[in-house]
Every structure is written in structure tokens, then in C-alpha cells.
């Protein structure tokens, strides 16, 4: 029968195991994100992570930890810039297209002349 102490130790080791996996995935993603490291060096780090996982992970974090933070910040910044550019490109419309849409509403009878003039003034502002 299992005791409470055994369950606590099990949860502790599971926590350490998942923390190690998160660190390992961060290291591997950082290796492939870094353009300054050549292919053979990347292969060497990966082989080291397979055969001596804890030691090599510790060495990698000590040796390249500062660069990891910079590369991750740069990747997040680039993703945000690309997202903002995409949103601007899809959300913005030209005044001509706004006036054309308003004219189509006027022609269909959905709006009257006063509303069309208001939409046209807003598009040109």
C-alpha cells in the first residue's frame, strides 16, 4: 500500500521531469532559432543532449543562457510586428472603397442621402 510520503515523492519527481522537458524543448528550439551556430555545432549539441542530457543542458544554459533570452525576445518582437502588419493590412480600407460601399448602400436603399454624405465625409476625413 502506498503512503502519503511516496505520493509526495512521486509528484516531486514528476514535477522535475516536466521541468526538465520544458528546459530541453527550450534548448532545442533555441538551437534551431540561432543563425550564428553552424550545422555541425547544432548536431554536436543535440548529440550531447541525447547521450549526456542533464550535463549538456546545464552547460548550454550556463554558456548560452543570455543569448537564449535575447533570441526569444527578438522572435517574440518579430512575431508581434508581423501580426500588427497583418492586422493593419486586413483591417484598413481605402477611402475609395469606403465610398463605393456607401454608394452601394445608397443605391440599394439601405441608407438615405444624408447618411451617404455622412459616410462620405467620414471616409474622406
Protein backbone atom coordinates (compact mmCIF):
# COMPACT_ATOMS: atom_id res chain seq x y z
CA UNK A 1 0.00 0.00 0.00
CA UNK A 2 1.29 3.44 -0.88
CA UNK A 3 1.85 6.03 1.77
CA UNK A 4 1.40 9.77 1.56
CA UNK A 5 5.17 10.25 1.56
CA UNK A 6 5.54 8.05 -1.51
CA UNK A 7 2.89 10.05 -3.35
CA UNK A 8 4.61 13.31 -2.43
CA UNK A 9 7.93 11.98 -3.75
CA UNK A 10 6.23 10.80 -6.92
CA UNK A 11 4.71 14.25 -7.52
CA UNK A 12 8.08 15.88 -6.81
CA UNK A 13 9.84 13.69 -9.39
CA UNK A 14 7.08 14.23 -11.94
CA UNK A 15 7.46 17.97 -11.46
CA UNK A 16 11.22 17.75 -12.00
CA UNK A 17 10.71 15.57 -15.07
CA UNK A 18 8.30 18.04 -16.70
CA UNK A 19 10.55 20.97 -15.78
CA UNK A 20 13.45 19.16 -17.46
CA UNK A 21 11.35 18.54 -20.59
CA UNK A 22 10.44 22.21 -20.79
CA UNK A 23 14.10 23.19 -20.49
CA UNK A 24 15.08 20.60 -23.09
CA UNK A 25 12.50 21.89 -25.59
CA UNK A 26 13.64 25.47 -24.95
CA UNK A 27 17.25 24.47 -25.67
CA UNK A 28 16.36 22.61 -28.87
CA UNK A 29 14.18 25.44 -30.15
CA UNK A 30 16.92 27.95 -29.31
CA UNK A 31 19.46 25.86 -31.20
CA UNK A 32 17.37 25.92 -34.35
CA UNK A 33 16.48 29.62 -33.91
CA UNK A 34 20.13 30.71 -33.67
CA UNK A 35 21.55 31.52 -37.10
CA UNK A 36 25.07 32.12 -35.80
CA UNK A 37 25.64 28.47 -34.86
CA UNK A 38 26.58 26.20 -37.73
CA UNK A 39 25.00 22.88 -38.58
CA UNK A 40 27.82 20.78 -37.13
CA UNK A 41 27.73 22.65 -33.85
CA UNK A 42 23.96 22.19 -33.67
CA UNK A 43 24.39 18.48 -34.35
CA UNK A 44 27.06 18.30 -31.64
CA UNK A 45 24.79 19.95 -29.07
CA UNK A 46 21.92 17.62 -29.99
CA UNK A 47 24.11 14.51 -29.78
CA UNK A 48 25.37 15.71 -26.41
CA UNK A 49 21.79 16.23 -25.24
CA UNK A 50 20.94 12.66 -26.23
CA UNK A 51 23.90 10.98 -24.50
CA UNK A 52 24.50 13.32 -21.52
CA UNK A 53 21.20 15.20 -21.22
CA UNK A 54 21.48 16.79 -17.76
CA UNK A 55 25.14 17.77 -18.05
CA UNK A 56 24.87 19.22 -21.56
CA UNK A 57 21.63 21.07 -20.71
CA UNK A 58 23.35 22.65 -17.72
CA UNK A 59 26.41 23.59 -19.80
CA UNK A 60 24.20 25.04 -22.55
CA UNK A 61 22.22 27.18 -20.13
CA UNK A 62 25.40 28.46 -18.47
CA UNK A 63 27.24 29.11 -21.74
CA UNK A 64 24.41 30.42 -23.92
CA UNK A 65 21.63 31.38 -21.50
CA UNK A 66 21.94 35.13 -22.06
CA UNK A 67 21.74 34.67 -25.81
CA UNK A 68 18.68 32.46 -25.38
CA UNK A 69 16.80 35.31 -23.75
CA UNK A 70 17.80 37.76 -26.49
CA UNK A 71 16.81 35.39 -29.29
CA UNK A 72 13.47 34.60 -27.66
CA UNK A 73 12.72 38.29 -27.14
CA UNK A 74 13.67 39.05 -30.73
CA UNK A 75 11.44 36.24 -32.03
CA UNK A 76 8.51 37.47 -29.95
CA UNK A 77 9.06 41.04 -31.17
CA UNK A 78 9.22 39.91 -34.81
CA UNK A 79 6.04 37.88 -34.39
CA UNK A 80 4.27 40.89 -32.90
CA UNK A 81 5.43 43.18 -35.72
CA UNK A 82 4.24 40.68 -38.34
CA UNK A 83 0.89 40.31 -36.56
CA UNK A 84 0.45 44.09 -36.33
CA UNK A 85 1.30 44.49 -40.02
CA UNK A 86 -1.18 41.77 -40.96
CA UNK A 87 -3.92 43.36 -38.87
CA UNK A 88 -3.25 46.77 -40.40
CA UNK A 89 -3.27 45.33 -43.92
CA UNK A 90 -6.54 43.45 -43.47
CA UNK A 91 -8.39 45.95 -41.29
CA UNK A 92 -7.60 49.13 -43.16
CA UNK A 93 -9.53 50.14 -46.21
CA UNK A 94 -9.07 52.99 -48.61
CA UNK A 95 -11.42 55.98 -48.74
CA UNK A 96 -12.41 54.98 -52.26
CA UNK A 97 -13.55 51.54 -51.15
CA UNK A 98 -15.47 53.05 -48.21
CA UNK A 99 -17.26 55.48 -50.54
CA UNK A 100 -18.01 52.67 -53.01
CA UNK A 101 -19.54 50.59 -50.22
CA UNK A 102 -21.59 53.57 -49.03
CA UNK A 103 -22.76 54.23 -52.62
CA UNK A 104 -23.86 50.60 -52.92
CA UNK A 105 -25.86 51.01 -49.71
CA UNK A 106 -27.40 54.21 -51.08
CA UNK A 107 -28.31 52.54 -54.37
CA UNK A 108 -29.90 49.59 -52.57
CA UNK A 109 -31.99 51.95 -50.45
CA UNK A 110 -30.45 50.89 -47.14
CA UNK A 111 -29.37 54.47 -46.39
CA UNK A 112 -30.55 57.90 -47.49
CA UNK A 113 -28.65 60.87 -48.97
CA UNK A 114 -27.83 62.38 -45.56
CA UNK A 115 -26.33 59.14 -44.28
CA UNK A 116 -24.39 58.72 -47.53
CA UNK A 117 -22.98 62.25 -47.18
CA UNK A 118 -22.02 61.50 -43.58
CA UNK A 119 -20.24 58.26 -44.55
CA UNK A 120 -18.52 60.01 -47.46
CA UNK A 121 -17.28 62.82 -45.20
CA UNK A 122 -16.05 60.29 -42.65
CA UNK A 123 -14.18 58.33 -45.35
CA UNK A 124 -12.51 61.49 -46.68
CA UNK A 125 -11.56 62.78 -43.22
